[in-house]
Amino acid sequence: MNWITLIVAGFCECGFTFCLGKAKLATGWEQVWWYVGFGIISLLSMYLLAKATQGPHSIPVGTAYPVWTGIGAVGTVLLGIFFFHEPANFLRVFFIFTLIALIIGLKLV
């Protein structure tokens, strides 16, 4: 269950960075609402990260934090490529897959 909580926390990290990207493009009240979403989702993300590191079957912080940031990093790069038209060149995609392999490696050990 803690791994599921951690994965959801990582997706929330993607969500709050997406809100930041949308806020940058918006103006007026729309921008305010994107910043509100950023605040709410970032608090939720950090709360879920903390939950995943507590309890009888908790994930060590030294594992949880890199996995959380890795999911957020990979997800944010993919969101940037698909929604904000950022470049998807060979090296960028290669390092995304490298990061995914490292996250899986941490899960396995």
N, C-alpha and C. Protein backbone atom coordinates (compact mmCIF):
# COMPACT_ATOMS: atom_id res chain seq x y z
N MET A 1 0.81 -1.20 0.00
CA MET A 1 0.00 0.00 0.00
C MET A 1 0.86 1.27 0.00
N ASN A 2 1.99 1.23 0.71
CA ASN A 2 2.86 2.40 0.75
C ASN A 2 3.44 2.73 -0.61
N TRP A 3 3.70 1.70 -1.43
CA TRP A 3 4.22 1.97 -2.77
C TRP A 3 3.17 2.64 -3.64
N ILE A 4 1.93 2.25 -3.48
CA ILE A 4 0.85 2.89 -4.23
C ILE A 4 0.73 4.36 -3.80
N THR A 5 0.80 4.59 -2.49
CA THR A 5 0.75 5.96 -1.97
C THR A 5 1.89 6.78 -2.54
N LEU A 6 3.07 6.20 -2.59
CA LEU A 6 4.23 6.91 -3.12
C LEU A 6 4.08 7.21 -4.60
N ILE A 7 3.55 6.28 -5.36
CA ILE A 7 3.34 6.50 -6.80
C ILE A 7 2.32 7.62 -7.02
N VAL A 8 1.25 7.61 -6.23
CA VAL A 8 0.24 8.68 -6.35
C VAL A 8 0.88 10.02 -5.98
N ALA A 9 1.73 10.03 -4.96
CA ALA A 9 2.44 11.26 -4.58
C ALA A 9 3.31 11.76 -5.73
N GLY A 10 3.97 10.85 -6.44
CA GLY A 10 4.78 11.23 -7.59
C GLY A 10 3.94 11.81 -8.72
N PHE A 11 2.75 11.22 -8.95
CA PHE A 11 1.85 11.77 -9.96
C PHE A 11 1.34 13.14 -9.55
N CYS A 12 1.12 13.33 -8.24
CA CYS A 12 0.72 14.66 -7.76
C CYS A 12 1.83 15.68 -8.02
N GLU A 13 3.09 15.24 -7.91
CA GLU A 13 4.19 16.15 -8.22
C GLU A 13 4.13 16.57 -9.68
N CYS A 14 3.78 15.64 -10.55
CA CYS A 14 3.59 15.99 -11.96
C CYS A 14 2.44 16.99 -12.10
N GLY A 15 1.39 16.78 -11.32
CA GLY A 15 0.23 17.66 -11.37
C GLY A 15 0.56 19.07 -10.95
N PHE A 16 1.35 19.23 -9.89
CA PHE A 16 1.63 20.60 -9.48
C PHE A 16 2.60 21.31 -10.41
N THR A 17 3.48 20.57 -11.06
CA THR A 17 4.33 21.23 -12.06
C THR A 17 3.53 21.59 -13.32
N PHE A 18 2.53 20.76 -13.65
CA PHE A 18 1.64 21.08 -14.77
C PHE A 18 0.88 22.37 -14.48
N CYS A 19 0.38 22.49 -13.26
CA CYS A 19 -0.32 23.72 -12.86
C CYS A 19 0.59 24.94 -12.99
N LEU A 20 1.85 24.78 -12.63
CA LEU A 20 2.81 25.87 -12.75
C LEU A 20 2.99 26.27 -14.21
N GLY A 21 3.11 25.29 -15.09
CA GLY A 21 3.25 25.56 -16.52
C GLY A 21 2.03 26.26 -17.09
N LYS A 22 0.83 25.82 -16.68
CA LYS A 22 -0.40 26.46 -17.15
C LYS A 22 -0.55 27.87 -16.59
N ALA A 23 -0.14 28.08 -15.34
CA ALA A 23 -0.23 29.41 -14.73
C ALA A 23 0.67 30.40 -15.47
N LYS A 24 1.80 29.91 -15.94
CA LYS A 24 2.72 30.77 -16.67
C LYS A 24 2.08 31.30 -17.96
N LEU A 25 1.19 30.51 -18.54
CA LEU A 25 0.56 30.88 -19.81
C LEU A 25 -0.75 31.64 -19.62
N ALA A 26 -1.29 31.64 -18.40
CA ALA A 26 -2.60 32.24 -18.15
C ALA A 26 -2.46 33.66 -17.61
N THR A 27 -3.59 34.35 -17.55
CA THR A 27 -3.64 35.70 -16.96
C THR A 27 -4.89 35.82 -16.11
N GLY A 28 -4.92 36.83 -15.27
CA GLY A 28 -6.11 37.12 -14.48
C GLY A 28 -6.48 36.01 -13.52
N TRP A 29 -7.80 35.79 -13.38
CA TRP A 29 -8.30 34.79 -12.45
C TRP A 29 -7.91 33.38 -12.85
N GLU A 30 -7.79 33.14 -14.14
CA GLU A 30 -7.36 31.81 -14.58
C GLU A 30 -5.99 31.49 -14.00
N GLN A 31 -5.09 32.45 -14.04
CA GLN A 31 -3.75 32.26 -13.48
C GLN A 31 -3.83 32.00 -11.97
N VAL A 32 -4.69 32.76 -11.29
CA VAL A 32 -4.85 32.57 -9.84
C VAL A 32 -5.30 31.15 -9.53
N TRP A 33 -6.27 30.65 -10.30
CA TRP A 33 -6.77 29.29 -10.05
C TRP A 33 -5.71 28.23 -10.33
N TRP A 34 -4.87 28.44 -11.32
CA TRP A 34 -3.79 27.49 -11.57
C TRP A 34 -2.80 27.50 -10.39
N TYR A 35 -2.55 28.68 -9.82
CA TYR A 35 -1.66 28.75 -8.65
C TYR A 35 -2.31 28.11 -7.42
N VAL A 36 -3.62 28.26 -7.27
CA VAL A 36 -4.33 27.59 -6.17
C VAL A 36 -4.21 26.07 -6.33
N GLY A 37 -4.42 25.59 -7.55
CA GLY A 37 -4.25 24.17 -7.83
C GLY A 37 -2.84 23.71 -7.52
N PHE A 38 -1.86 24.51 -7.89
CA PHE A 38 -0.47 24.21 -7.57
C PHE A 38 -0.28 24.02 -6.07
N GLY A 39 -0.81 24.95 -5.28
CA GLY A 39 -0.65 24.87 -3.83
C GLY A 39 -1.31 23.64 -3.23
N ILE A 40 -2.53 23.36 -3.65
CA ILE A 40 -3.27 22.22 -3.11
C ILE A 40 -2.60 20.91 -3.48
N ILE A 41 -2.24 20.76 -4.76
CA ILE A 41 -1.66 19.50 -5.20
C ILE A 41 -0.26 19.30 -4.62
N SER A 42 0.51 20.38 -4.45
CA SER A 42 1.84 20.22 -3.88
C SER A 42 1.75 19.79 -2.41
N LEU A 43 0.79 20.35 -1.67
CA LEU A 43 0.60 19.90 -0.28
C LEU A 43 0.17 18.44 -0.22
N LEU A 44 -0.73 18.05 -1.11
CA LEU A 44 -1.18 16.66 -1.17
C LEU A 44 -0.01 15.73 -1.50
N SER A 45 0.82 16.14 -2.45
CA SER A 45 1.97 15.34 -2.84
C SER A 45 2.92 15.11 -1.67
N MET A 46 3.22 16.17 -0.94
CA MET A 46 4.14 16.05 0.19
C MET A 46 3.52 15.26 1.34
N TYR A 47 2.23 15.41 1.54
CA TYR A 47 1.53 14.63 2.57
C TYR A 47 1.61 13.14 2.23
N LEU A 48 1.34 12.79 0.98
CA LEU A 48 1.39 11.38 0.57
C LEU A 48 2.80 10.82 0.67
N LEU A 49 3.79 11.64 0.33
CA LEU A 49 5.19 11.21 0.50
C LEU A 49 5.46 10.90 1.97
N ALA A 50 5.04 11.77 2.85
CA ALA A 50 5.24 11.54 4.28
C ALA A 50 4.51 10.27 4.74
N LYS A 51 3.27 10.06 4.26
CA LYS A 51 2.51 8.86 4.62
C LYS A 51 3.22 7.59 4.18
N ALA A 52 3.83 7.63 3.00
CA ALA A 52 4.52 6.44 2.48
C ALA A 52 5.74 6.07 3.31
N THR A 53 6.27 7.03 4.06
CA THR A 53 7.47 6.76 4.86
C THR A 53 7.13 6.48 6.32
N GLN A 54 5.85 6.34 6.63
CA GLN A 54 5.42 6.06 8.00
C GLN A 54 4.70 4.72 8.08
N GLY A 55 4.60 4.18 9.26
CA GLY A 55 3.83 2.96 9.47
C GLY A 55 4.70 1.72 9.51
N PRO A 56 4.05 0.57 9.75
CA PRO A 56 4.80 -0.67 9.94
C PRO A 56 5.50 -1.18 8.67
N HIS A 57 4.97 -0.90 7.50
CA HIS A 57 5.59 -1.35 6.25
C HIS A 57 6.06 -0.16 5.44
N SER A 58 6.64 0.80 6.13
CA SER A 58 7.02 2.04 5.47
C SER A 58 8.21 1.86 4.53
N ILE A 59 8.31 2.80 3.62
CA ILE A 59 9.43 2.84 2.67
C ILE A 59 10.48 3.77 3.28
N PRO A 60 11.75 3.36 3.30
CA PRO A 60 12.78 4.25 3.84
C PRO A 60 12.83 5.57 3.08
N VAL A 61 13.07 6.65 3.80
CA VAL A 61 13.11 7.98 3.19
C VAL A 61 14.16 8.03 2.09
N GLY A 62 15.28 7.36 2.29
CA GLY A 62 16.35 7.34 1.29
C GLY A 62 15.94 6.67 -0.01
N THR A 63 14.90 5.87 0.01
CA THR A 63 14.34 5.27 -1.20
C THR A 63 13.14 6.06 -1.69
N ALA A 64 12.26 6.45 -0.76
CA ALA A 64 11.01 7.13 -1.14
C ALA A 64 11.26 8.46 -1.83
N TYR A 65 12.17 9.25 -1.29
CA TYR A 65 12.38 10.58 -1.87
C TYR A 65 12.90 10.51 -3.32
N PRO A 66 13.93 9.70 -3.62
CA PRO A 66 14.37 9.63 -5.02
C PRO A 66 13.31 9.07 -5.96
N VAL A 67 12.51 8.11 -5.48
CA VAL A 67 11.45 7.56 -6.32
C VAL A 67 10.41 8.64 -6.59
N TRP A 68 10.03 9.37 -5.55
CA TRP A 68 9.05 10.46 -5.66
C TRP A 68 9.52 11.53 -6.64
N THR A 69 10.76 11.98 -6.47
CA THR A 69 11.28 13.00 -7.38
C THR A 69 11.49 12.44 -8.79
N GLY A 70 11.86 11.16 -8.89
CA GLY A 70 12.04 10.54 -10.21
C GLY A 70 10.74 10.46 -10.98
N ILE A 71 9.67 10.03 -10.30
CA ILE A 71 8.36 9.98 -10.95
C ILE A 71 7.97 11.39 -11.38
N GLY A 72 8.19 12.35 -10.49
CA GLY A 72 7.87 13.74 -10.82
C GLY A 72 8.69 14.26 -11.99
N ALA A 73 9.97 13.92 -12.01
CA ALA A 73 10.84 14.40 -13.09
C ALA A 73 10.45 13.79 -14.43
N VAL A 74 10.26 12.48 -14.45
CA VAL A 74 9.87 11.82 -15.70
C VAL A 74 8.52 12.33 -16.17
N GLY A 75 7.56 12.38 -15.25
CA GLY A 75 6.23 12.85 -15.61
C GLY A 75 6.22 14.29 -16.10
N THR A 76 7.01 15.13 -15.44
CA THR A 76 7.08 16.54 -15.84
C THR A 76 7.70 16.70 -17.22
N VAL A 77 8.74 15.94 -17.51
CA VAL A 77 9.34 16.01 -18.85
C VAL A 77 8.33 15.55 -19.90
N LEU A 78 7.62 14.46 -19.61
CA LEU A 78 6.62 13.97 -20.56
C LEU A 78 5.47 14.96 -20.74
N LEU A 79 5.02 15.58 -19.65
CA LEU A 79 3.98 16.61 -19.76
C LEU A 79 4.48 17.79 -20.59
N GLY A 80 5.74 18.16 -20.38
CA GLY A 80 6.32 19.25 -21.17
C GLY A 80 6.36 18.93 -22.65
N ILE A 81 6.69 17.69 -22.96
CA ILE A 81 6.74 17.28 -24.37
C ILE A 81 5.35 17.26 -24.99
N PHE A 82 4.38 16.67 -24.29
CA PHE A 82 3.05 16.49 -24.87
C PHE A 82 2.15 17.71 -24.79
N PHE A 83 2.29 18.52 -23.72
CA PHE A 83 1.36 19.63 -23.54
C PHE A 83 1.98 21.00 -23.79
N PHE A 84 3.29 21.13 -23.61
CA PHE A 84 3.93 22.43 -23.76
C PHE A 84 4.89 22.47 -24.94
N HIS A 85 4.86 21.43 -25.76
CA HIS A 85 5.62 21.35 -27.00
C HIS A 85 7.12 21.56 -26.81
N GLU A 86 7.65 20.98 -25.73
CA GLU A 86 9.09 21.02 -25.50
C GLU A 86 9.76 19.96 -26.38
N PRO A 87 11.04 20.12 -26.67
CA PRO A 87 11.71 19.18 -27.58
C PRO A 87 11.79 17.77 -27.01
N ALA A 88 11.75 16.79 -27.92
CA ALA A 88 11.86 15.37 -27.55
C ALA A 88 12.98 14.74 -28.36
N ASN A 89 14.20 15.25 -28.21
CA ASN A 89 15.32 14.71 -28.98
C ASN A 89 15.83 13.40 -28.37
N PHE A 90 16.74 12.76 -29.06
CA PHE A 90 17.22 11.44 -28.66
C PHE A 90 17.79 11.43 -27.24
N LEU A 91 18.67 12.37 -26.92
CA LEU A 91 19.31 12.36 -25.60
C LEU A 91 18.30 12.58 -24.48
N ARG A 92 17.35 13.43 -24.70
CA ARG A 92 16.32 13.69 -23.69
C ARG A 92 15.52 12.41 -23.40
N VAL A 93 15.10 11.73 -24.44
CA VAL A 93 14.34 10.49 -24.28
C VAL A 93 15.22 9.40 -23.66
N PHE A 94 16.48 9.32 -24.08
CA PHE A 94 17.41 8.36 -23.51
C PHE A 94 17.55 8.54 -22.01
N PHE A 95 17.71 9.77 -21.56
CA PHE A 95 17.88 10.01 -20.13
C PHE A 95 16.58 9.83 -19.35
N ILE A 96 15.44 10.01 -19.99
CA ILE A 96 14.17 9.69 -19.34
C ILE A 96 14.12 8.19 -19.05
N PHE A 97 14.48 7.38 -20.05
CA PHE A 97 14.48 5.93 -19.85
C PHE A 97 15.53 5.51 -18.82
N THR A 98 16.65 6.20 -18.78
CA THR A 98 17.67 5.92 -17.76
C THR A 98 17.12 6.20 -16.37
N LEU A 99 16.42 7.29 -16.24
CA LEU A 99 15.82 7.64 -14.95
C LEU A 99 14.76 6.62 -14.53
N ILE A 100 13.96 6.16 -15.48
CA ILE A 100 12.96 5.13 -15.19
C ILE A 100 13.65 3.85 -14.71
N ALA A 101 14.74 3.48 -15.36
CA ALA A 101 15.48 2.28 -14.95
C ALA A 101 16.02 2.43 -13.53
N LEU A 102 16.49 3.61 -13.18
CA LEU A 102 16.99 3.85 -11.83
C LEU A 102 15.87 3.76 -10.79
N ILE A 103 14.71 4.27 -11.12
CA ILE A 103 13.56 4.18 -10.19
C ILE A 103 13.17 2.73 -9.97
N ILE A 104 13.12 1.96 -11.05
CA ILE A 104 12.80 0.54 -10.93
C ILE A 104 13.85 -0.18 -10.11
N GLY A 105 15.13 0.16 -10.32
CA GLY A 105 16.21 -0.44 -9.55
C GLY A 105 16.06 -0.15 -8.06
N LEU A 106 15.69 1.07 -7.69
CA LEU A 106 15.47 1.38 -6.28
C LEU A 106 14.31 0.58 -5.70
N LYS A 107 13.28 0.39 -6.49
CA LYS A 107 12.13 -0.41 -6.03
C LYS A 107 12.55 -1.86 -5.78
N LEU A 108 13.41 -2.38 -6.64
CA LEU A 108 13.81 -3.79 -6.53
C LEU A 108 14.75 -4.05 -5.35
N VAL A 109 15.54 -3.07 -4.97
CA VAL A 109 16.45 -3.28 -3.83
C VAL A 109 15.81 -2.69 -2.62
